[in-house]
Amino acid sequence: MRKLGQELNVEAFGGFAGVGHFCVLGKNYQEHYNGCMTAEDIERHLKEKSLIWTEHIFKKFIERNITMNDVIVALGNGEIIEQYPNDYPFPSCLVLGRDASGQILHVVCGSDGAKSILITAYSPSLFKWMDDFKQRRKI
């Protein structure tokens, strides 16, 4: 995996490592955004602060003692580990990153092509995830 932040010298939030693409649908996407979103797009959304915070993610912040800064830092140093191209209303992906204190964090985000939509965040459990937190255990 490549660290895009190292290649692009992104300073605002660090880098964003990505694997592949996840396709994005938005309003009139066929006319205005014909393609798939890349990790570079998420990095750009972080740099431009083009983020949409859902009500759901704020509820989970309270339940899970996670902050907005935790999510931004994790996205800034994270990598895409799963893709959900058929999610509705927009395709989404799962990002594995570390918060400012070094704790592992999973963030689910989607995109309408212009902004990243932050859906949920959680600390993954070793019960459900392998030691690298990139692969789910077969339960």
Protein backbone atom coordinates (compact mmCIF):
# COMPACT_ATOMS: atom_id res chain seq x y z
CA MET A 1 0.00 0.00 0.00
CA ARG A 2 1.19 3.46 -0.78
CA LYS A 3 1.02 6.38 1.57
CA LEU A 4 -0.50 9.14 -0.52
CA GLY A 5 0.38 11.81 1.99
CA GLN A 6 4.05 11.01 1.48
CA GLU A 7 3.71 11.21 -2.29
CA LEU A 8 1.60 14.36 -2.30
CA ASN A 9 3.26 15.98 0.72
CA VAL A 10 -0.07 16.73 2.38
CA GLU A 11 0.50 18.69 5.56
CA ALA A 12 -2.98 19.53 6.86
CA PHE A 13 -4.00 16.11 8.14
CA GLY A 14 -1.16 13.80 7.18
CA GLY A 15 -1.55 11.26 4.42
CA PHE A 16 -4.28 8.91 3.35
CA ALA A 17 -3.39 5.43 2.14
CA GLY A 18 -5.89 3.79 -0.13
CA VAL A 19 -6.51 0.54 -1.88
CA GLY A 20 -8.34 0.74 -5.18
CA HIS A 21 -11.41 2.84 -5.75
CA PHE A 22 -14.94 3.04 -4.57
CA CYS A 23 -17.57 4.25 -7.00
CA VAL A 24 -19.54 7.33 -6.08
CA LEU A 25 -23.06 8.31 -6.92
CA GLY A 26 -24.35 11.81 -6.48
CA LYS A 27 -27.05 14.04 -7.85
CA ASN A 28 -26.84 13.72 -11.63
CA TYR A 29 -23.60 11.80 -11.17
CA GLN A 30 -23.62 10.45 -14.72
CA GLU A 31 -23.52 13.98 -16.08
CA HIS A 32 -21.18 15.55 -13.54
CA TYR A 33 -19.12 12.83 -11.88
CA ASN A 34 -18.67 9.94 -14.25
CA GLY A 35 -16.18 7.72 -12.46
CA CYS A 36 -14.99 6.39 -9.13
CA MET A 37 -13.66 8.26 -6.14
CA THR A 38 -10.07 7.59 -5.19
CA ALA A 39 -8.16 7.91 -1.95
CA GLU A 40 -6.83 11.18 -3.35
CA ASP A 41 -10.42 12.51 -3.37
CA ILE A 42 -10.83 11.69 0.32
CA GLU A 43 -7.49 13.35 1.01
CA ARG A 44 -8.69 16.43 -0.91
CA HIS A 45 -11.94 16.49 1.08
CA LEU A 46 -9.93 16.44 4.30
CA LYS A 47 -7.64 19.22 3.10
CA GLU A 48 -10.59 21.34 1.89
CA LYS A 49 -12.65 20.42 4.97
CA SER A 50 -15.40 19.19 2.63
CA LEU A 51 -16.86 16.82 5.20
CA ILE A 52 -20.47 16.09 6.07
CA TRP A 53 -20.94 14.83 9.63
CA THR A 54 -24.11 12.74 9.97
CA GLU A 55 -26.36 12.78 13.01
CA HIS A 56 -25.57 9.09 13.42
CA ILE A 57 -21.82 9.65 13.80
CA PHE A 58 -22.43 12.26 16.53
CA LYS A 59 -24.60 9.77 18.45
CA LYS A 60 -21.82 7.20 18.18
CA PHE A 61 -19.24 9.77 19.37
CA ILE A 62 -21.13 10.05 22.65
CA GLU A 63 -21.67 6.28 23.03
CA ARG A 64 -18.07 5.40 22.14
CA ASN A 65 -16.15 8.38 23.55
CA ILE A 66 -14.78 9.35 20.12
CA THR A 67 -14.16 12.94 19.00
CA MET A 68 -14.28 14.72 15.65
CA ASN A 69 -10.52 15.18 15.91
CA ASP A 70 -10.09 11.42 16.40
CA VAL A 71 -11.91 10.81 13.11
CA ILE A 72 -10.01 13.49 11.19
CA VAL A 73 -6.66 12.20 12.42
CA ALA A 74 -7.60 8.58 11.65
CA LEU A 75 -8.74 9.50 8.14
CA GLY A 76 -5.55 11.48 7.65
CA ASN A 77 -3.30 8.51 8.36
CA GLY A 78 -5.70 5.76 7.35
CA GLU A 79 -6.16 3.28 4.56
CA ILE A 80 -9.25 1.92 2.86
CA ILE A 81 -9.70 -1.71 3.93
CA GLU A 82 -13.21 -2.49 2.65
CA GLN A 83 -15.41 -1.03 -0.04
CA TYR A 84 -19.20 -1.02 -0.19
CA PRO A 85 -20.07 0.06 -3.74
CA ASN A 86 -23.75 -0.88 -3.38
CA ASP A 87 -24.47 1.16 -0.23
CA TYR A 88 -27.39 3.58 -0.40
CA PRO A 89 -27.68 6.48 -0.95
CA PHE A 90 -23.94 6.61 -1.79
CA PRO A 91 -21.21 4.00 -2.03
CA SER A 92 -19.03 3.93 1.05
CA CYS A 93 -15.84 2.42 2.40
CA LEU A 94 -14.25 1.41 5.68
CA VAL A 95 -11.06 3.19 6.67
CA LEU A 96 -8.58 1.88 9.24
CA GLY A 97 -6.54 4.58 10.95
CA ARG A 98 -5.15 5.70 14.30
CA ASP A 99 -6.36 8.60 16.41
CA ALA A 100 -3.97 11.17 17.92
CA SER A 101 -3.23 8.88 20.88
CA GLY A 102 -2.39 5.98 18.56
CA GLN A 103 -5.58 3.98 19.16
CA ILE A 104 -6.97 2.01 16.20
CA LEU A 105 -10.16 3.46 14.76
CA HIS A 106 -12.48 2.32 11.97
CA VAL A 107 -14.37 5.04 10.09
CA VAL A 108 -17.11 4.42 7.56
CA CYS A 109 -17.50 7.18 5.01
CA GLY A 110 -19.23 7.64 1.69
CA SER A 111 -19.21 10.34 -0.93
CA ASP A 112 -21.51 12.22 -3.27
CA GLY A 113 -18.47 13.14 -5.38
CA ALA A 114 -17.98 16.60 -3.89
CA LYS A 115 -17.78 15.83 -0.17
CA SER A 116 -16.98 12.93 2.13
CA ILE A 117 -19.95 11.87 4.26
CA LEU A 118 -18.86 10.54 7.66
CA ILE A 119 -21.26 7.81 8.72
CA THR A 120 -19.84 6.08 11.79
CA ALA A 121 -16.65 5.43 13.73
CA TYR A 122 -15.68 2.79 16.26
CA SER A 123 -12.76 1.04 17.92
CA PRO A 124 -12.63 -2.43 16.34
CA SER A 125 -12.76 -5.51 18.55
CA LEU A 126 -10.32 -8.41 18.34
CA PHE A 127 -13.37 -10.65 18.70
CA LYS A 128 -14.57 -9.55 15.24
CA TRP A 129 -11.27 -8.56 13.59
CA MET A 130 -7.91 -10.23 13.00
CA ASP A 131 -4.86 -8.82 14.81
CA ASP A 132 -4.15 -6.31 12.03
CA PHE A 133 -7.77 -5.02 12.21
CA LYS A 134 -7.93 -5.22 8.41
CA GLN A 135 -9.66 -8.57 8.04
CA ARG A 136 -12.83 -9.80 9.70
CA ARG A 137 -12.70 -13.03 11.65
CA LYS A 138 -14.83 -15.86 10.33
CA ILE A 139 -17.22 -16.41 13.21
